[in-house]
Amino acid sequence: MKNDTTHRQVASALNEGWMEGGSFLGSILAGALLGYLADWWLSTDPWLVVTGIVVGSYAGFLKMWQYLKKMDGRS
């Protein structure tokens, strides 16, 4: 029975890790896509794509930081 509980805890931790990693990657991809569309609309290649990637990365890091603080129990 103890082994089954351990497997469930590991599976839960892996699931949370994949969810947070996907959220981080999604933030970067969303920033890149919005930057690409804005570049296409405004003809400013490649500046808004680069800006979108930077802003998306920053947003992903902030979300990851908040998640890690929550998991650490400090927030």
PDB file of N, CA and C in Angstrom:
ATOM      1  N   MET A   1       0.817  -1.199   0.000  1.00  0.00           N
ATOM      2  CA  MET A   1       0.000   0.000   0.000  1.00  0.00           C
ATOM      3  C   MET A   1       0.863   1.266   0.000  1.00  0.00           C
ATOM      4  N   LYS A   2       1.969   1.227   0.742  1.00  0.00           N
ATOM      5  CA  LYS A   2       2.848   2.386   0.793  1.00  0.00           C
ATOM      6  C   LYS A   2       3.456   2.675  -0.577  1.00  0.00           C
ATOM      7  N   ASN A   3       3.789   1.633  -1.299  1.00  0.00           N
ATOM      8  CA  ASN A   3       4.380   1.779  -2.623  1.00  0.00           C
ATOM      9  C   ASN A   3       3.400   2.442  -3.591  1.00  0.00           C
ATOM     10  N   ASP A   4       2.117   2.101  -3.483  1.00  0.00           N
ATOM     11  CA  ASP A   4       1.088   2.700  -4.328  1.00  0.00           C
ATOM     12  C   ASP A   4       0.965   4.196  -4.053  1.00  0.00           C
ATOM     13  N   THR A   5       1.036   4.591  -2.796  1.00  0.00           N
ATOM     14  CA  THR A   5       0.963   6.007  -2.428  1.00  0.00           C
ATOM     15  C   THR A   5       2.166   6.768  -2.983  1.00  0.00           C
ATOM     16  N   THR A   6       3.331   6.155  -2.922  1.00  0.00           N
ATOM     17  CA  THR A   6       4.537   6.784  -3.455  1.00  0.00           C
ATOM     18  C   THR A   6       4.419   6.990  -4.963  1.00  0.00           C
ATOM     19  N   HIS A   7       3.903   5.999  -5.653  1.00  0.00           N
ATOM     20  CA  HIS A   7       3.722   6.126  -7.099  1.00  0.00           C
ATOM     21  C   HIS A   7       2.748   7.250  -7.433  1.00  0.00           C
ATOM     22  N   ARG A   8       1.694   7.372  -6.655  1.00  0.00           N
ATOM     23  CA  ARG A   8       0.720   8.455  -6.893  1.00  0.00           C
ATOM     24  C   ARG A   8       1.346   9.826  -6.649  1.00  0.00           C
ATOM     25  N   GLN A   9       2.178   9.931  -5.623  1.00  0.00           N
ATOM     26  CA  GLN A   9       2.839  11.207  -5.343  1.00  0.00           C
ATOM     27  C   GLN A   9       3.802  11.583  -6.461  1.00  0.00           C
ATOM     28  N   VAL A  10       4.537  10.619  -6.957  1.00  0.00           N
ATOM     29  CA  VAL A  10       5.471  10.877  -8.058  1.00  0.00           C
ATOM     30  C   VAL A  10       4.704  11.271  -9.314  1.00  0.00           C
ATOM     31  N   ALA A  11       3.627  10.563  -9.604  1.00  0.00           N
ATOM     32  CA  ALA A  11       2.814  10.882 -10.785  1.00  0.00           C
ATOM     33  C   ALA A  11       2.218  12.272 -10.667  1.00  0.00           C
ATOM     34  N   SER A  12       1.776  12.643  -9.482  1.00  0.00           N
ATOM     35  CA  SER A  12       1.210  13.980  -9.265  1.00  0.00           C
ATOM     36  C   SER A  12       2.277  15.059  -9.465  1.00  0.00           C
ATOM     37  N   ALA A  13       3.474  14.819  -8.940  1.00  0.00           N
ATOM     38  CA  ALA A  13       4.561  15.789  -9.096  1.00  0.00           C
ATOM     39  C   ALA A  13       4.951  15.943 -10.565  1.00  0.00           C
ATOM     40  N   LEU A  14       5.025  14.830 -11.292  1.00  0.00           N
ATOM     41  CA  LEU A  14       5.347  14.902 -12.719  1.00  0.00           C
ATOM     42  C   LEU A  14       4.275  15.651 -13.492  1.00  0.00           C
ATOM     43  N   ASN A  15       3.026  15.404 -13.151  1.00  0.00           N
ATOM     44  CA  ASN A  15       1.925  16.084 -13.816  1.00  0.00           C
ATOM     45  C   ASN A  15       2.005  17.594 -13.593  1.00  0.00           C
ATOM     46  N   GLU A  16       2.256  18.012 -12.360  1.00  0.00           N
ATOM     47  CA  GLU A  16       2.381  19.443 -12.070  1.00  0.00           C
ATOM     48  C   GLU A  16       3.565  20.049 -12.808  1.00  0.00           C
ATOM     49  N   GLY A  17       4.666  19.307 -12.870  1.00  0.00           N
ATOM     50  CA  GLY A  17       5.843  19.802 -13.590  1.00  0.00           C
ATOM     51  C   GLY A  17       5.574  20.008 -15.072  1.00  0.00           C
ATOM     52  N   TRP A  18       4.882  19.045 -15.690  1.00  0.00           N
ATOM     53  CA  TRP A  18       4.538  19.174 -17.104  1.00  0.00           C
ATOM     54  C   TRP A  18       3.578  20.338 -17.327  1.00  0.00           C
ATOM     55  N   MET A  19       2.644  20.536 -16.409  1.00  0.00           N
ATOM     56  CA  MET A  19       1.679  21.637 -16.550  1.00  0.00           C
ATOM     57  C   MET A  19       2.396  22.986 -16.479  1.00  0.00           C
ATOM     58  N   GLU A  20       3.285  23.135 -15.526  1.00  0.00           N
ATOM     59  CA  GLU A  20       3.995  24.405 -15.380  1.00  0.00           C
ATOM     60  C   GLU A  20       4.972  24.631 -16.530  1.00  0.00           C
ATOM     61  N   GLY A  21       5.639  23.584 -16.965  1.00  0.00           N
ATOM     62  CA  GLY A  21       6.541  23.707 -18.117  1.00  0.00           C
ATOM     63  C   GLY A  21       5.792  24.075 -19.382  1.00  0.00           C
ATOM     64  N   GLY A  22       4.629  23.486 -19.565  1.00  0.00           N
ATOM     65  CA  GLY A  22       3.793  23.818 -20.715  1.00  0.00           C
ATOM     66  C   GLY A  22       3.304  25.249 -20.662  1.00  0.00           C
ATOM     67  N   SER A  23       3.000  25.713 -19.469  1.00  0.00           N
ATOM     68  CA  SER A  23       2.565  27.096 -19.298  1.00  0.00           C
ATOM     69  C   SER A  23       3.698  28.061 -19.649  1.00  0.00           C
ATOM     70  N   PHE A  24       4.909  27.718 -19.234  1.00  0.00           N
ATOM     71  CA  PHE A  24       6.074  28.544 -19.546  1.00  0.00           C
ATOM     72  C   PHE A  24       6.308  28.600 -21.051  1.00  0.00           C
ATOM     73  N   LEU A  25       6.289  27.442 -21.687  1.00  0.00           N
ATOM     74  CA  LEU A  25       6.477  27.385 -23.136  1.00  0.00           C
ATOM     75  C   LEU A  25       5.340  28.105 -23.860  1.00  0.00           C
ATOM     76  N   GLY A  26       4.130  27.960 -23.363  1.00  0.00           N
ATOM     77  CA  GLY A  26       2.985  28.638 -23.970  1.00  0.00           C
ATOM     78  C   GLY A  26       3.110  30.149 -23.917  1.00  0.00           C
ATOM     79  N   SER A  27       3.658  30.675 -22.822  1.00  0.00           N
ATOM     80  CA  SER A  27       3.865  32.124 -22.706  1.00  0.00           C
ATOM     81  C   SER A  27       4.834  32.619 -23.775  1.00  0.00           C
ATOM     82  N   ILE A  28       5.902  31.876 -23.986  1.00  0.00           N
ATOM     83  CA  ILE A  28       6.888  32.273 -24.992  1.00  0.00           C
ATOM     84  C   ILE A  28       6.289  32.186 -26.395  1.00  0.00           C
ATOM     85  N   LEU A  29       5.585  31.100 -26.672  1.00  0.00           N
ATOM     86  CA  LEU A  29       4.977  30.939 -27.998  1.00  0.00           C
ATOM     87  C   LEU A  29       3.895  31.983 -28.261  1.00  0.00           C
ATOM     88  N   ALA A  30       3.114  32.311 -27.252  1.00  0.00           N
ATOM     89  CA  ALA A  30       2.079  33.331 -27.421  1.00  0.00           C
ATOM     90  C   ALA A  30       2.705  34.688 -27.716  1.00  0.00           C
ATOM     91  N   GLY A  31       3.777  35.030 -27.008  1.00  0.00           N
ATOM     92  CA  GLY A  31       4.471  36.290 -27.275  1.00  0.00           C
ATOM     93  C   GLY A  31       5.049  36.334 -28.677  1.00  0.00           C
ATOM     94  N   ALA A  32       5.630  35.206 -29.110  1.00  0.00           N
ATOM     95  CA  ALA A  32       6.208  35.149 -30.459  1.00  0.00           C
ATOM     96  C   ALA A  32       5.112  35.269 -31.519  1.00  0.00           C
ATOM     97  N   LEU A  33       4.009  34.591 -31.319  1.00  0.00           N
ATOM     98  CA  LEU A  33       2.907  34.648 -32.295  1.00  0.00           C
ATOM     99  C   LEU A  33       2.304  36.044 -32.370  1.00  0.00           C
ATOM    100  N   LEU A  34       2.058  36.654 -31.221  1.00  0.00           N
ATOM    101  CA  LEU A  34       1.511  38.012 -31.236  1.00  0.00           C
ATOM    102  C   LEU A  34       2.490  38.996 -31.866  1.00  0.00           C
ATOM    103  N   GLY A  35       3.783  38.823 -31.583  1.00  0.00           N
ATOM    104  CA  GLY A  35       4.796  39.674 -32.211  1.00  0.00           C
ATOM    105  C   GLY A  35       4.845  39.480 -33.711  1.00  0.00           C
ATOM    106  N   TYR A  36       4.742  38.225 -34.154  1.00  0.00           N
ATOM    107  CA  TYR A  36       4.746  37.940 -35.591  1.00  0.00           C
ATOM    108  C   TYR A  36       3.553  38.588 -36.275  1.00  0.00           C
ATOM    109  N   LEU A  37       2.383  38.445 -35.672  1.00  0.00           N
ATOM    110  CA  LEU A  37       1.184  39.049 -36.272  1.00  0.00           C
ATOM    111  C   LEU A  37       1.270  40.570 -36.295  1.00  0.00           C
ATOM    112  N   ALA A  38       1.792  41.153 -35.231  1.00  0.00           N
ATOM    113  CA  ALA A  38       1.947  42.611 -35.204  1.00  0.00           C
ATOM    114  C   ALA A  38       2.980  43.062 -36.235  1.00  0.00           C
ATOM    115  N   ASP A  39       4.065  42.306 -36.384  1.00  0.00           N
ATOM    116  CA  ASP A  39       5.061  42.616 -37.416  1.00  0.00           C
ATOM    117  C   ASP A  39       4.460  42.538 -38.815  1.00  0.00           C
ATOM    118  N   TRP A  40       3.658  41.523 -39.060  1.00  0.00           N
ATOM    119  CA  TRP A  40       3.015  41.353 -40.359  1.00  0.00           C
ATOM    120  C   TRP A  40       2.072  42.522 -40.635  1.00  0.00           C
ATOM    121  N   TRP A  41       1.331  42.942 -39.611  1.00  0.00           N
ATOM    122  CA  TRP A  41       0.356  44.020 -39.766  1.00  0.00           C
ATOM    123  C   TRP A  41       1.044  45.375 -39.946  1.00  0.00           C
ATOM    124  N   LEU A  42       2.114  45.613 -39.176  1.00  0.00           N
ATOM    125  CA  LEU A  42       2.772  46.917 -39.182  1.00  0.00           C
ATOM    126  C   LEU A  42       4.031  46.971 -40.058  1.00  0.00           C
ATOM    127  N   SER A  43       4.435  45.856 -40.646  1.00  0.00           N
ATOM    128  CA  SER A  43       5.645  45.771 -41.476  1.00  0.00           C
ATOM    129  C   SER A  43       6.889  46.258 -40.731  1.00  0.00           C
ATOM    130  N   THR A  44       7.113  45.712 -39.549  1.00  0.00           N
ATOM    131  CA  THR A  44       8.254  46.117 -38.727  1.00  0.00           C
ATOM    132  C   THR A  44       9.191  44.940 -38.454  1.00  0.00           C
ATOM    133  N   ASP A  45       9.293  43.984 -39.399  1.00  0.00           N
ATOM    134  CA  ASP A  45      10.109  42.778 -39.193  1.00  0.00           C
ATOM    135  C   ASP A  45      11.483  43.123 -38.662  1.00  0.00           C
ATOM    136  N   PRO A  46      12.043  42.405 -37.791  1.00  0.00           N
ATOM    137  CA  PRO A  46      11.599  41.370 -36.868  1.00  0.00           C
ATOM    138  C   PRO A  46      11.407  41.896 -35.452  1.00  0.00           C
ATOM    139  N   TRP A  47      11.285  43.186 -35.287  1.00  0.00           N
ATOM    140  CA  TRP A  47      11.374  43.801 -33.960  1.00  0.00           C
ATOM    141  C   TRP A  47      10.268  43.380 -33.005  1.00  0.00           C
ATOM    142  N   LEU A  48       9.082  43.262 -33.478  1.00  0.00           N
ATOM    143  CA  LEU A  48       7.994  42.905 -32.565  1.00  0.00           C
ATOM    144  C   LEU A  48       7.997  41.413 -32.221  1.00  0.00           C
ATOM    145  N   VAL A  49       8.540  40.583 -33.098  1.00  0.00           N
ATOM    146  CA  VAL A  49       8.702  39.163 -32.754  1.00  0.00           C
ATOM    147  C   VAL A  49       9.704  39.033 -31.606  1.00  0.00           C
ATOM    148  N   VAL A  50      10.813  39.732 -31.718  1.00  0.00           N
ATOM    149  CA  VAL A  50      11.827  39.696 -30.666  1.00  0.00           C
ATOM    150  C   VAL A  50      11.249  40.242 -29.357  1.00  0.00           C
ATOM    151  N   THR A  51      10.531  41.343 -29.443  1.00  0.00           N
ATOM    152  CA  THR A  51       9.893  41.922 -28.259  1.00  0.00           C
ATOM    153  C   THR A  51       8.875  40.952 -27.665  1.00  0.00           C
ATOM    154  N   GLY A  52       8.101  40.305 -28.512  1.00  0.00           N
ATOM    155  CA  GLY A  52       7.115  39.342 -28.031  1.00  0.00           C
ATOM    156  C   GLY A  52       7.755  38.161 -27.327  1.00  0.00           C
ATOM    157  N   ILE A  53       8.869  37.673 -27.850  1.00  0.00           N
ATOM    158  CA  ILE A  53       9.576  36.563 -27.208  1.00  0.00           C
ATOM    159  C   ILE A  53      10.123  36.989 -25.847  1.00  0.00           C
ATOM    160  N   VAL A  54      10.679  38.184 -25.769  1.00  0.00           N
ATOM    161  CA  VAL A  54      11.222  38.681 -24.502  1.00  0.00           C
ATOM    162  C   VAL A  54      10.106  38.869 -23.475  1.00  0.00           C
ATOM    163  N   VAL A  55       9.010  39.486 -23.890  1.00  0.00           N
ATOM    164  CA  VAL A  55       7.890  39.708 -22.971  1.00  0.00           C
ATOM    165  C   VAL A  55       7.249  38.375 -22.569  1.00  0.00           C
ATOM    166  N   GLY A  56       7.103  37.465 -23.510  1.00  0.00           N
ATOM    167  CA  GLY A  56       6.556  36.152 -23.197  1.00  0.00           C
ATOM    168  C   GLY A  56       7.448  35.382 -22.237  1.00  0.00           C
ATOM    169  N   SER A  57       8.753  35.467 -22.423  1.00  0.00           N
ATOM    170  CA  SER A  57       9.695  34.812 -21.515  1.00  0.00           C
ATOM    171  C   SER A  57       9.597  35.404 -20.112  1.00  0.00           C
ATOM    172  N   TYR A  58       9.507  36.714 -20.046  1.00  0.00           N
ATOM    173  CA  TYR A  58       9.374  37.379 -18.748  1.00  0.00           C
ATOM    174  C   TYR A  58       8.095  36.945 -18.047  1.00  0.00           C
ATOM    175  N   ALA A  59       7.002  36.903 -18.788  1.00  0.00           N
ATOM    176  CA  ALA A  59       5.730  36.469 -18.198  1.00  0.00           C
ATOM    177  C   ALA A  59       5.812  35.015 -17.736  1.00  0.00           C
ATOM    178  N   GLY A  60       6.465  34.161 -18.524  1.00  0.00           N
ATOM    179  CA  GLY A  60       6.634  32.768 -18.136  1.00  0.00           C
ATOM    180  C   GLY A  60       7.482  32.622 -16.885  1.00  0.00           C
ATOM    181  N   PHE A  61       8.562  33.403 -16.793  1.00  0.00           N
ATOM    182  CA  PHE A  61       9.395  33.360 -15.594  1.00  0.00           C
ATOM    183  C   PHE A  61       8.629  33.845 -14.366  1.00  0.00           C
ATOM    184  N   LEU A  62       7.832  34.897 -14.523  1.00  0.00           N
ATOM    185  CA  LEU A  62       7.038  35.379 -13.386  1.00  0.00           C
ATOM    186  C   LEU A  62       6.055  34.321 -12.907  1.00  0.00           C
ATOM    187  N   LYS A  63       5.393  33.671 -13.847  1.00  0.00           N
ATOM    188  CA  LYS A  63       4.441  32.625 -13.480  1.00  0.00           C
ATOM    189  C   LYS A  63       5.156  31.459 -12.801  1.00  0.00           C
ATOM    190  N   MET A  64       6.310  31.080 -13.321  1.00  0.00           N
ATOM    191  CA  MET A  64       7.080  30.000 -12.719  1.00  0.00           C
ATOM    192  C   MET A  64       7.556  30.393 -11.315  1.00  0.00           C
ATOM    193  N   TRP A  65       7.989  31.634 -11.152  1.00  0.00           N
ATOM    194  CA  TRP A  65       8.445  32.124  -9.854  1.00  0.00           C
ATOM    195  C   TRP A  65       7.312  32.065  -8.827  1.00  0.00           C
ATOM    196  N   GLN A  66       6.125  32.507  -9.225  1.00  0.00           N
ATOM    197  CA  GLN A  66       4.972  32.455  -8.322  1.00  0.00           C
ATOM    198  C   GLN A  66       4.636  31.022  -7.947  1.00  0.00           C
ATOM    199  N   TYR A  67       4.704  30.117  -8.902  1.00  0.00           N
ATOM    200  CA  TYR A  67       4.423  28.708  -8.625  1.00  0.00           C
ATOM    201  C   TYR A  67       5.442  28.130  -7.647  1.00  0.00           C
ATOM    202  N   LEU A  68       6.723  28.432  -7.861  1.00  0.00           N
ATOM    203  CA  LEU A  68       7.758  27.911  -6.974  1.00  0.00           C
ATOM    204  C   LEU A  68       7.638  28.485  -5.563  1.00  0.00           C
ATOM    205  N   LYS A  69       7.276  29.752  -5.453  1.00  0.00           N
ATOM    206  CA  LYS A  69       7.049  30.338  -4.127  1.00  0.00           C
ATOM    207  C   LYS A  69       5.878  29.656  -3.432  1.00  0.00           C
ATOM    208  N   LYS A  70       4.823  29.360  -4.181  1.00  0.00           N
ATOM    209  CA  LYS A  70       3.659  28.678  -3.605  1.00  0.00           C
ATOM    210  C   LYS A  70       4.046  27.279  -3.137  1.00  0.00           C
ATOM    211  N   MET A  71       4.837  26.580  -3.942  1.00  0.00           N
ATOM    212  CA  MET A  71       5.257  25.233  -3.575  1.00  0.00           C
ATOM    213  C   MET A  71       6.197  25.239  -2.364  1.00  0.00           C
ATOM    214  N   ASP A  72       6.953  26.312  -2.212  1.00  0.00           N
ATOM    215  CA  ASP A  72       7.872  26.430  -1.088  1.00  0.00           C
ATOM    216  C   ASP A  72       7.136  26.830   0.189  1.00  0.00           C
ATOM    217  N   GLY A  73       5.910  27.328   0.055  1.00  0.00           N
ATOM    218  CA  GLY A  73       5.105  27.691   1.215  1.00  0.00           C
ATOM    219  C   GLY A  73       5.352  29.088   1.750  1.00  0.00           C
ATOM    220  N   ARG A  74       6.003  29.937   0.966  1.00  0.00           N
ATOM    221  CA  ARG A  74       6.274  31.290   1.428  1.00  0.00           C
ATOM    222  C   ARG A  74       5.240  32.305   1.001  1.00  0.00           C
ATOM    223  N   SER A  75       4.290  31.917   0.156  1.00  0.00           N
ATOM    224  CA  SER A  75       3.334  32.916  -0.312  1.00  0.00           C
ATOM    225  C   SER A  75       1.956  32.683   0.239  1.00  0.00           C
TER     226      SER A  75
END
